[in-house]
PDB file of N, CA and C in Angstrom:
ATOM      1  N   MET A   1     -35.048   2.409   2.701  1.00  0.00           N
ATOM      2  CA  MET A   1     -34.048   2.104   3.712  1.00  0.00           C
ATOM      3  C   MET A   1     -34.740   1.724   5.005  1.00  0.00           C
ATOM      4  N   LEU A   2     -34.064   0.907   5.784  1.00  0.00           N
ATOM      5  CA  LEU A   2     -34.577   0.527   7.084  1.00  0.00           C
ATOM      6  C   LEU A   2     -34.121   1.523   8.145  1.00  0.00           C
ATOM      7  N   LYS A   3     -34.862   1.583   9.211  1.00  0.00           N
ATOM      8  CA  LYS A   3     -34.550   2.493  10.304  1.00  0.00           C
ATOM      9  C   LYS A   3     -33.313   2.018  11.062  1.00  0.00           C
ATOM     10  N   TYR A   4     -32.487   2.969  11.498  1.00  0.00           N
ATOM     11  CA  TYR A   4     -31.333   2.652  12.349  1.00  0.00           C
ATOM     12  C   TYR A   4     -31.829   2.531  13.782  1.00  0.00           C
ATOM     13  N   ASP A   5     -31.607   1.394  14.391  1.00  0.00           N
ATOM     14  CA  ASP A   5     -32.045   1.145  15.761  1.00  0.00           C
ATOM     15  C   ASP A   5     -31.187   0.028  16.327  1.00  0.00           C
ATOM     16  N   ILE A   6     -30.233   0.375  17.170  1.00  0.00           N
ATOM     17  CA  ILE A   6     -29.298  -0.633  17.663  1.00  0.00           C
ATOM     18  C   ILE A   6     -29.970  -1.703  18.512  1.00  0.00           C
ATOM     19  N   CYS A   7     -31.137  -1.389  19.057  1.00  0.00           N
ATOM     20  CA  CYS A   7     -31.828  -2.378  19.896  1.00  0.00           C
ATOM     21  C   CYS A   7     -32.644  -3.358  19.062  1.00  0.00           C
ATOM     22  N   GLY A   8     -33.088  -2.948  17.891  1.00  0.00           N
ATOM     23  CA  GLY A   8     -33.862  -3.820  17.028  1.00  0.00           C
ATOM     24  C   GLY A   8     -35.197  -4.223  17.619  1.00  0.00           C
ATOM     25  N   GLU A   9     -35.775  -3.359  18.426  1.00  0.00           N
ATOM     26  CA  GLU A   9     -37.044  -3.673  19.079  1.00  0.00           C
ATOM     27  C   GLU A   9     -38.199  -3.078  18.274  1.00  0.00           C
ATOM     28  N   GLY A  10     -38.608  -3.753  17.252  1.00  0.00           N
ATOM     29  CA  GLY A  10     -39.711  -3.242  16.465  1.00  0.00           C
ATOM     30  C   GLY A  10     -40.336  -4.333  15.635  1.00  0.00           C
ATOM     31  N   GLU A  11     -41.352  -3.944  14.907  1.00  0.00           N
ATOM     32  CA  GLU A  11     -42.070  -4.890  14.070  1.00  0.00           C
ATOM     33  C   GLU A  11     -41.259  -5.287  12.843  1.00  0.00           C
ATOM     34  N   TYR A  12     -40.385  -4.387  12.403  1.00  0.00           N
ATOM     35  CA  TYR A  12     -39.610  -4.614  11.182  1.00  0.00           C
ATOM     36  C   TYR A  12     -38.130  -4.786  11.505  1.00  0.00           C
ATOM     37  N   PRO A  13     -37.376  -5.394  10.607  1.00  0.00           N
ATOM     38  CA  PRO A  13     -35.915  -5.452  10.804  1.00  0.00           C
ATOM     39  C   PRO A  13     -35.348  -4.029  10.847  1.00  0.00           C
ATOM     40  N   THR A  14     -34.283  -3.862  11.581  1.00  0.00           N
ATOM     41  CA  THR A  14     -33.633  -2.553  11.669  1.00  0.00           C
ATOM     42  C   THR A  14     -32.144  -2.690  11.368  1.00  0.00           C
ATOM     43  N   VAL A  15     -31.515  -1.565  11.117  1.00  0.00           N
ATOM     44  CA  VAL A  15     -30.075  -1.509  10.882  1.00  0.00           C
ATOM     45  C   VAL A  15     -29.411  -1.314  12.237  1.00  0.00           C
ATOM     46  N   SER A  16     -28.503  -2.209  12.612  1.00  0.00           N
ATOM     47  CA  SER A  16     -27.850  -2.099  13.912  1.00  0.00           C
ATOM     48  C   SER A  16     -26.462  -1.470  13.824  1.00  0.00           C
ATOM     49  N   LYS A  17     -25.924  -1.382  12.627  1.00  0.00           N
ATOM     50  CA  LYS A  17     -24.608  -0.765  12.430  1.00  0.00           C
ATOM     51  C   LYS A  17     -24.585  -0.158  11.040  1.00  0.00           C
ATOM     52  N   LEU A  18     -24.062   1.048  10.949  1.00  0.00           N
ATOM     53  CA  LEU A  18     -23.965   1.725   9.669  1.00  0.00           C
ATOM     54  C   LEU A  18     -22.506   2.090   9.423  1.00  0.00           C
ATOM     55  N   ILE A  19     -21.972   1.684   8.279  1.00  0.00           N
ATOM     56  CA  ILE A  19     -20.605   2.018   7.890  1.00  0.00           C
ATOM     57  C   ILE A  19     -20.662   2.645   6.506  1.00  0.00           C
ATOM     58  N   VAL A  20     -20.089   3.843   6.381  1.00  0.00           N
ATOM     59  CA  VAL A  20     -20.027   4.520   5.086  1.00  0.00           C
ATOM     60  C   VAL A  20     -18.583   4.921   4.844  1.00  0.00           C
ATOM     61  N   GLU A  21     -18.053   4.554   3.681  1.00  0.00           N
ATOM     62  CA  GLU A  21     -16.706   4.970   3.300  1.00  0.00           C
ATOM     63  C   GLU A  21     -16.817   5.998   2.180  1.00  0.00           C
ATOM     64  N   TYR A  22     -16.277   7.172   2.431  1.00  0.00           N
ATOM     65  CA  TYR A  22     -16.234   8.249   1.444  1.00  0.00           C
ATOM     66  C   TYR A  22     -14.870   8.201   0.772  1.00  0.00           C
ATOM     67  N   THR A  23     -14.842   8.283  -0.537  1.00  0.00           N
ATOM     68  CA  THR A  23     -13.578   8.202  -1.270  1.00  0.00           C
ATOM     69  C   THR A  23     -13.423   9.395  -2.200  1.00  0.00           C
ATOM     70  N   GLN A  24     -12.179   9.716  -2.484  1.00  0.00           N
ATOM     71  CA  GLN A  24     -11.854  10.771  -3.448  1.00  0.00           C
ATOM     72  C   GLN A  24     -10.448  10.513  -3.981  1.00  0.00           C
ATOM     73  N   GLU A  25     -10.148  11.132  -5.106  1.00  0.00           N
ATOM     74  CA  GLU A  25      -8.808  10.951  -5.678  1.00  0.00           C
ATOM     75  C   GLU A  25      -7.784  11.693  -4.839  1.00  0.00           C
ATOM     76  N   GLY A  26      -6.538  11.338  -5.014  1.00  0.00           N
ATOM     77  CA  GLY A  26      -5.447  11.956  -4.264  1.00  0.00           C
ATOM     78  C   GLY A  26      -5.382  13.457  -4.469  1.00  0.00           C
ATOM     79  N   ASP A  27      -4.796  14.146  -3.503  1.00  0.00           N
ATOM     80  CA  ASP A  27      -4.670  15.595  -3.610  1.00  0.00           C
ATOM     81  C   ASP A  27      -3.418  15.983  -4.406  1.00  0.00           C
ATOM     82  N   CYS A  28      -3.132  17.268  -4.479  1.00  0.00           N
ATOM     83  CA  CYS A  28      -2.031  17.767  -5.318  1.00  0.00           C
ATOM     84  C   CYS A  28      -0.644  17.375  -4.811  1.00  0.00           C
ATOM     85  N   GLU A  29      -0.549  16.843  -3.598  1.00  0.00           N
ATOM     86  CA  GLU A  29       0.741  16.441  -3.055  1.00  0.00           C
ATOM     87  C   GLU A  29       0.971  14.945  -3.136  1.00  0.00           C
ATOM     88  N   GLN A  30       0.117  14.254  -3.880  1.00  0.00           N
ATOM     89  CA  GLN A  30       0.289  12.820  -4.056  1.00  0.00           C
ATOM     90  C   GLN A  30      -0.165  12.446  -5.460  1.00  0.00           C
ATOM     91  N   ASP A  31       0.047  11.217  -5.805  1.00  0.00           N
ATOM     92  CA  ASP A  31      -0.375  10.711  -7.101  1.00  0.00           C
ATOM     93  C   ASP A  31      -1.895  10.750  -7.195  1.00  0.00           C
ATOM     94  N   ARG A  32      -2.418  11.341  -8.269  1.00  0.00           N
ATOM     95  CA  ARG A  32      -3.870  11.456  -8.441  1.00  0.00           C
ATOM     96  C   ARG A  32      -4.548  10.095  -8.548  1.00  0.00           C
ATOM     97  N   ASP A  33      -3.778   9.059  -8.849  1.00  0.00           N
ATOM     98  CA  ASP A  33      -4.352   7.716  -8.938  1.00  0.00           C
ATOM     99  C   ASP A  33      -4.586   7.089  -7.562  1.00  0.00           C
ATOM    100  N   GLU A  34      -3.976   7.676  -6.532  1.00  0.00           N
ATOM    101  CA  GLU A  34      -4.212   7.181  -5.176  1.00  0.00           C
ATOM    102  C   GLU A  34      -5.620   7.576  -4.748  1.00  0.00           C
ATOM    103  N   VAL A  35      -6.212   6.751  -3.925  1.00  0.00           N
ATOM    104  CA  VAL A  35      -7.564   7.026  -3.442  1.00  0.00           C
ATOM    105  C   VAL A  35      -7.503   7.319  -1.948  1.00  0.00           C
ATOM    106  N   GLN A  36      -8.120   8.426  -1.554  1.00  0.00           N
ATOM    107  CA  GLN A  36      -8.230   8.763  -0.140  1.00  0.00           C
ATOM    108  C   GLN A  36      -9.570   8.234   0.368  1.00  0.00           C
ATOM    109  N   VAL A  37      -9.569   7.683   1.580  1.00  0.00           N
ATOM    110  CA  VAL A  37     -10.777   7.079   2.146  1.00  0.00           C
ATOM    111  C   VAL A  37     -11.006   7.630   3.549  1.00  0.00           C
ATOM    112  N   LEU A  38     -12.233   8.046   3.808  1.00  0.00           N
ATOM    113  CA  LEU A  38     -12.678   8.446   5.142  1.00  0.00           C
ATOM    114  C   LEU A  38     -13.835   7.533   5.510  1.00  0.00           C
ATOM    115  N   ARG A  39     -13.720   6.852   6.637  1.00  0.00           N
ATOM    116  CA  ARG A  39     -14.740   5.886   7.057  1.00  0.00           C
ATOM    117  C   ARG A  39     -15.462   6.410   8.299  1.00  0.00           C
ATOM    118  N   LEU A  40     -16.785   6.459   8.223  1.00  0.00           N
ATOM    119  CA  LEU A  40     -17.623   6.808   9.373  1.00  0.00           C
ATOM    120  C   LEU A  40     -18.473   5.594   9.690  1.00  0.00           C
ATOM    121  N   GLU A  41     -18.563   5.255  10.963  1.00  0.00           N
ATOM    122  CA  GLU A  41     -19.380   4.100  11.346  1.00  0.00           C
ATOM    123  C   GLU A  41     -19.992   4.324  12.719  1.00  0.00           C
ATOM    124  N   THR A  42     -21.119   3.684  12.931  1.00  0.00           N
ATOM    125  CA  THR A  42     -21.741   3.733  14.238  1.00  0.00           C
ATOM    126  C   THR A  42     -21.133   2.641  15.107  1.00  0.00           C
ATOM    127  N   ALA A  43     -21.123   2.889  16.400  1.00  0.00           N
ATOM    128  CA  ALA A  43     -20.617   1.909  17.353  1.00  0.00           C
ATOM    129  C   ALA A  43     -21.381   2.093  18.663  1.00  0.00           C
ATOM    130  N   ASP A  44     -21.372   1.060  19.485  1.00  0.00           N
ATOM    131  CA  ASP A  44     -21.991   1.142  20.805  1.00  0.00           C
ATOM    132  C   ASP A  44     -21.313   0.131  21.706  1.00  0.00           C
ATOM    133  N   GLY A  45     -20.536   0.630  22.645  1.00  0.00           N
ATOM    134  CA  GLY A  45     -19.840  -0.246  23.579  1.00  0.00           C
ATOM    135  C   GLY A  45     -20.638  -0.515  24.837  1.00  0.00           C
ATOM    136  N   GLY A  46     -21.932  -0.169  24.818  1.00  0.00           N
ATOM    137  CA  GLY A  46     -22.777  -0.406  25.969  1.00  0.00           C
ATOM    138  C   GLY A  46     -23.199   0.860  26.697  1.00  0.00           C
ATOM    139  N   ALA A  47     -22.486   1.948  26.471  1.00  0.00           N
ATOM    140  CA  ALA A  47     -22.824   3.214  27.135  1.00  0.00           C
ATOM    141  C   ALA A  47     -23.646   4.122  26.227  1.00  0.00           C
ATOM    142  N   GLY A  48     -24.028   3.625  25.077  1.00  0.00           N
ATOM    143  CA  GLY A  48     -24.807   4.413  24.129  1.00  0.00           C
ATOM    144  C   GLY A  48     -24.086   4.547  22.808  1.00  0.00           C
ATOM    145  N   PRO A  49     -24.853   4.790  21.754  1.00  0.00           N
ATOM    146  CA  PRO A  49     -24.254   4.859  20.418  1.00  0.00           C
ATOM    147  C   PRO A  49     -23.393   6.103  20.213  1.00  0.00           C
ATOM    148  N   PHE A  50     -22.387   5.956  19.357  1.00  0.00           N
ATOM    149  CA  PHE A  50     -21.538   7.084  18.969  1.00  0.00           C
ATOM    150  C   PHE A  50     -21.049   6.835  17.554  1.00  0.00           C
ATOM    151  N   ILE A  51     -20.415   7.834  16.974  1.00  0.00           N
ATOM    152  CA  ILE A  51     -19.885   7.735  15.612  1.00  0.00           C
ATOM    153  C   ILE A  51     -18.370   7.647  15.695  1.00  0.00           C
ATOM    154  N   ARG A  52     -17.812   6.654  15.016  1.00  0.00           N
ATOM    155  CA  ARG A  52     -16.364   6.463  14.966  1.00  0.00           C
ATOM    156  C   ARG A  52     -15.887   6.906  13.578  1.00  0.00           C
ATOM    157  N   MET A  53     -14.819   7.683  13.544  1.00  0.00           N
ATOM    158  CA  MET A  53     -14.245   8.159  12.292  1.00  0.00           C
ATOM    159  C   MET A  53     -12.839   7.593  12.160  1.00  0.00           C
ATOM    160  N   SER A  54     -12.515   7.049  10.978  1.00  0.00           N
ATOM    161  CA  SER A  54     -11.166   6.525  10.774  1.00  0.00           C
ATOM    162  C   SER A  54     -10.726   6.751   9.332  1.00  0.00           C
ATOM    163  N   ILE A  55      -9.429   6.750   9.168  1.00  0.00           N
ATOM    164  CA  ILE A  55      -8.819   6.855   7.848  1.00  0.00           C
ATOM    165  C   ILE A  55      -7.985   5.595   7.686  1.00  0.00           C
ATOM    166  N   PRO A  56      -8.528   4.624   6.930  1.00  0.00           N
ATOM    167  CA  PRO A  56      -7.854   3.328   6.800  1.00  0.00           C
ATOM    168  C   PRO A  56      -6.408   3.426   6.309  1.00  0.00           C
ATOM    169  N   GLU A  57      -5.620   2.470   6.712  1.00  0.00           N
ATOM    170  CA  GLU A  57      -4.232   2.307   6.278  1.00  0.00           C
ATOM    171  C   GLU A  57      -3.321   3.445   6.720  1.00  0.00           C
ATOM    172  N   GLY A  58      -3.726   4.227   7.734  1.00  0.00           N
ATOM    173  CA  GLY A  58      -2.867   5.288   8.257  1.00  0.00           C
ATOM    174  C   GLY A  58      -2.592   6.408   7.278  1.00  0.00           C
ATOM    175  N   LYS A  59      -3.427   6.556   6.279  1.00  0.00           N
ATOM    176  CA  LYS A  59      -3.232   7.615   5.286  1.00  0.00           C
ATOM    177  C   LYS A  59      -3.970   8.867   5.719  1.00  0.00           C
ATOM    178  N   PHE A  60      -4.489   9.635   4.793  1.00  0.00           N
ATOM    179  CA  PHE A  60      -5.188  10.865   5.125  1.00  0.00           C
ATOM    180  C   PHE A  60      -6.320  11.123   4.144  1.00  0.00           C
ATOM    181  N   PHE A  61      -7.206  12.062   4.519  1.00  0.00           N
ATOM    182  CA  PHE A  61      -8.334  12.474   3.698  1.00  0.00           C
ATOM    183  C   PHE A  61      -8.321  13.994   3.693  1.00  0.00           C
ATOM    184  N   SER A  62      -8.079  14.588   2.538  1.00  0.00           N
ATOM    185  CA  SER A  62      -7.891  16.026   2.444  1.00  0.00           C
ATOM    186  C   SER A  62      -9.202  16.757   2.163  1.00  0.00           C
ATOM    187  N   VAL A  63      -9.359  17.919   2.786  1.00  0.00           N
ATOM    188  CA  VAL A  63     -10.477  18.811   2.500  1.00  0.00           C
ATOM    189  C   VAL A  63      -9.926  20.218   2.336  1.00  0.00           C
ATOM    190  N   SER A  64     -10.643  21.032   1.575  1.00  0.00           N
ATOM    191  CA  SER A  64     -10.210  22.414   1.358  1.00  0.00           C
ATOM    192  C   SER A  64     -10.679  23.336   2.467  1.00  0.00           C
ATOM    193  N   ASN A  65     -11.806  22.973   3.107  1.00  0.00           N
ATOM    194  CA  ASN A  65     -12.356  23.824   4.156  1.00  0.00           C
ATOM    195  C   ASN A  65     -13.322  23.016   5.019  1.00  0.00           C
ATOM    196  N   VAL A  66     -13.771  23.615   6.088  1.00  0.00           N
ATOM    197  CA  VAL A  66     -14.660  22.947   7.037  1.00  0.00           C
ATOM    198  C   VAL A  66     -16.005  22.616   6.390  1.00  0.00           C
ATOM    199  N   GLU A  67     -16.447  23.414   5.445  1.00  0.00           N
ATOM    200  CA  GLU A  67     -17.723  23.150   4.776  1.00  0.00           C
ATOM    201  C   GLU A  67     -17.741  21.765   4.128  1.00  0.00           C
ATOM    202  N   GLU A  68     -16.626  21.339   3.582  1.00  0.00           N
ATOM    203  CA  GLU A  68     -16.561  20.011   2.964  1.00  0.00           C
ATOM    204  C   GLU A  68     -16.792  18.912   4.002  1.00  0.00           C
ATOM    205  N   LEU A  69     -16.264  19.095   5.195  1.00  0.00           N
ATOM    206  CA  LEU A  69     -16.515  18.130   6.270  1.00  0.00           C
ATOM    207  C   LEU A  69     -17.979  18.153   6.695  1.00  0.00           C
ATOM    208  N   LYS A  70     -18.568  19.333   6.740  1.00  0.00           N
ATOM    209  CA  LYS A  70     -19.983  19.455   7.101  1.00  0.00           C
ATOM    210  C   LYS A  70     -20.854  18.698   6.107  1.00  0.00           C
ATOM    211  N   VAL A  71     -20.516  18.771   4.823  1.00  0.00           N
ATOM    212  CA  VAL A  71     -21.283  18.054   3.794  1.00  0.00           C
ATOM    213  C   VAL A  71     -21.197  16.548   4.027  1.00  0.00           C
ATOM    214  N   ILE A  72     -20.004  16.063   4.320  1.00  0.00           N
ATOM    215  CA  ILE A  72     -19.822  14.624   4.567  1.00  0.00           C
ATOM    216  C   ILE A  72     -20.617  14.188   5.788  1.00  0.00           C
ATOM    217  N   PHE A  73     -20.505  14.939   6.887  1.00  0.00           N
ATOM    218  CA  PHE A  73     -21.229  14.556   8.099  1.00  0.00           C
ATOM    219  C   PHE A  73     -22.736  14.702   7.933  1.00  0.00           C
ATOM    220  N   SER A  74     -23.186  15.674   7.159  1.00  0.00           N
ATOM    221  CA  SER A  74     -24.620  15.811   6.878  1.00  0.00           C
ATOM    222  C   SER A  74     -25.126  14.617   6.084  1.00  0.00           C
ATOM    223  N   ASP A  75     -24.338  14.161   5.125  1.00  0.00           N
ATOM    224  CA  ASP A  75     -24.715  12.992   4.346  1.00  0.00           C
ATOM    225  C   ASP A  75     -24.830  11.770   5.252  1.00  0.00           C
ATOM    226  N   PHE A  76     -23.847  11.586   6.127  1.00  0.00           N
ATOM    227  CA  PHE A  76     -23.877  10.445   7.042  1.00  0.00           C
ATOM    228  C   PHE A  76     -25.102  10.525   7.953  1.00  0.00           C
ATOM    229  N   GLU A  77     -25.388  11.715   8.451  1.00  0.00           N
ATOM    230  CA  GLU A  77     -26.543  11.896   9.332  1.00  0.00           C
ATOM    231  C   GLU A  77     -27.846  11.564   8.601  1.00  0.00           C
ATOM    232  N   GLU A  78     -27.962  11.969   7.341  1.00  0.00           N
ATOM    233  CA  GLU A  78     -29.152  11.638   6.559  1.00  0.00           C
ATOM    234  C   GLU A  78     -29.302  10.131   6.400  1.00  0.00           C
ATOM    235  N   ARG A  79     -28.222   9.458   6.104  1.00  0.00           N
ATOM    236  CA  ARG A  79     -28.270   7.992   5.950  1.00  0.00           C
ATOM    237  C   ARG A  79     -28.632   7.321   7.272  1.00  0.00           C
ATOM    238  N   LEU A  80     -28.142   7.864   8.360  1.00  0.00           N
ATOM    239  CA  LEU A  80     -28.389   7.304   9.683  1.00  0.00           C
ATOM    240  C   LEU A  80     -29.834   7.490  10.118  1.00  0.00           C
ATOM    241  N   ASN A  81     -30.419   8.624   9.798  1.00  0.00           N
ATOM    242  CA  ASN A  81     -31.750   8.957  10.289  1.00  0.00           C
ATOM    243  C   ASN A  81     -32.869   8.720   9.291  1.00  0.00           C
ATOM    244  N   TYR A  82     -32.552   8.325   8.071  1.00  0.00           N
ATOM    245  CA  TYR A  82     -33.572   8.154   7.039  1.00  0.00           C
ATOM    246  C   TYR A  82     -34.421   6.920   7.315  1.00  0.00           C
ATOM    247  N   THR A  83     -35.725   7.089   7.239  1.00  0.00           N
ATOM    248  CA  THR A  83     -36.627   5.941   7.349  1.00  0.00           C
ATOM    249  C   THR A  83     -37.721   6.053   6.310  1.00  0.00           C
ATOM    250  N   GLU A  84     -38.332   4.935   5.997  1.00  0.00           N
ATOM    251  CA  GLU A  84     -39.469   4.912   5.093  1.00  0.00           C
ATOM    252  C   GLU A  84     -40.696   4.397   5.836  1.00  0.00           C
ATOM    253  N   ASP A  85     -40.765   4.664   7.128  1.00  0.00           N
ATOM    254  CA  ASP A  85     -41.881   4.158   7.937  1.00  0.00           C
ATOM    255  C   ASP A  85     -43.237   4.564   7.356  1.00  0.00           C
ATOM    256  N   ASP A  86     -43.319   5.761   6.780  1.00  0.00           N
ATOM    257  CA  ASP A  86     -44.596   6.219   6.224  1.00  0.00           C
ATOM    258  C   ASP A  86     -45.010   5.424   5.012  1.00  0.00           C
ATOM    259  N   ASN A  87     -44.068   4.728   4.376  1.00  0.00           N
ATOM    260  CA  ASN A  87     -44.372   3.977   3.155  1.00  0.00           C
ATOM    261  C   ASN A  87     -44.672   2.510   3.422  1.00  0.00           C
ATOM    262  N   ARG A  88     -44.690   2.084   4.650  1.00  0.00           N
ATOM    263  CA  ARG A  88     -44.921   0.668   4.962  1.00  0.00           C
ATOM    264  C   ARG A  88     -46.393   0.383   5.076  1.00  0.00           C
TER     265      ARG A  88
END
């Protein structure tokens, strides 16, 4: 993977925007064939980078507890911060 760097000031190409969509089947109060989507993406309006969270189409993304959200955000953080600089 390439390094995340919104400025792109380096010897190698960098990732300037990261978008990850997490999906799961519908919960017990909806049709199991429906898909729930949670989208996390990086953004920078000029005041510095931040993470934007959205649920497309005005639907919802169900979790059983806060730990499930921590797992999702940890995964996103790993993808955001992962580099292979040592392997170049």
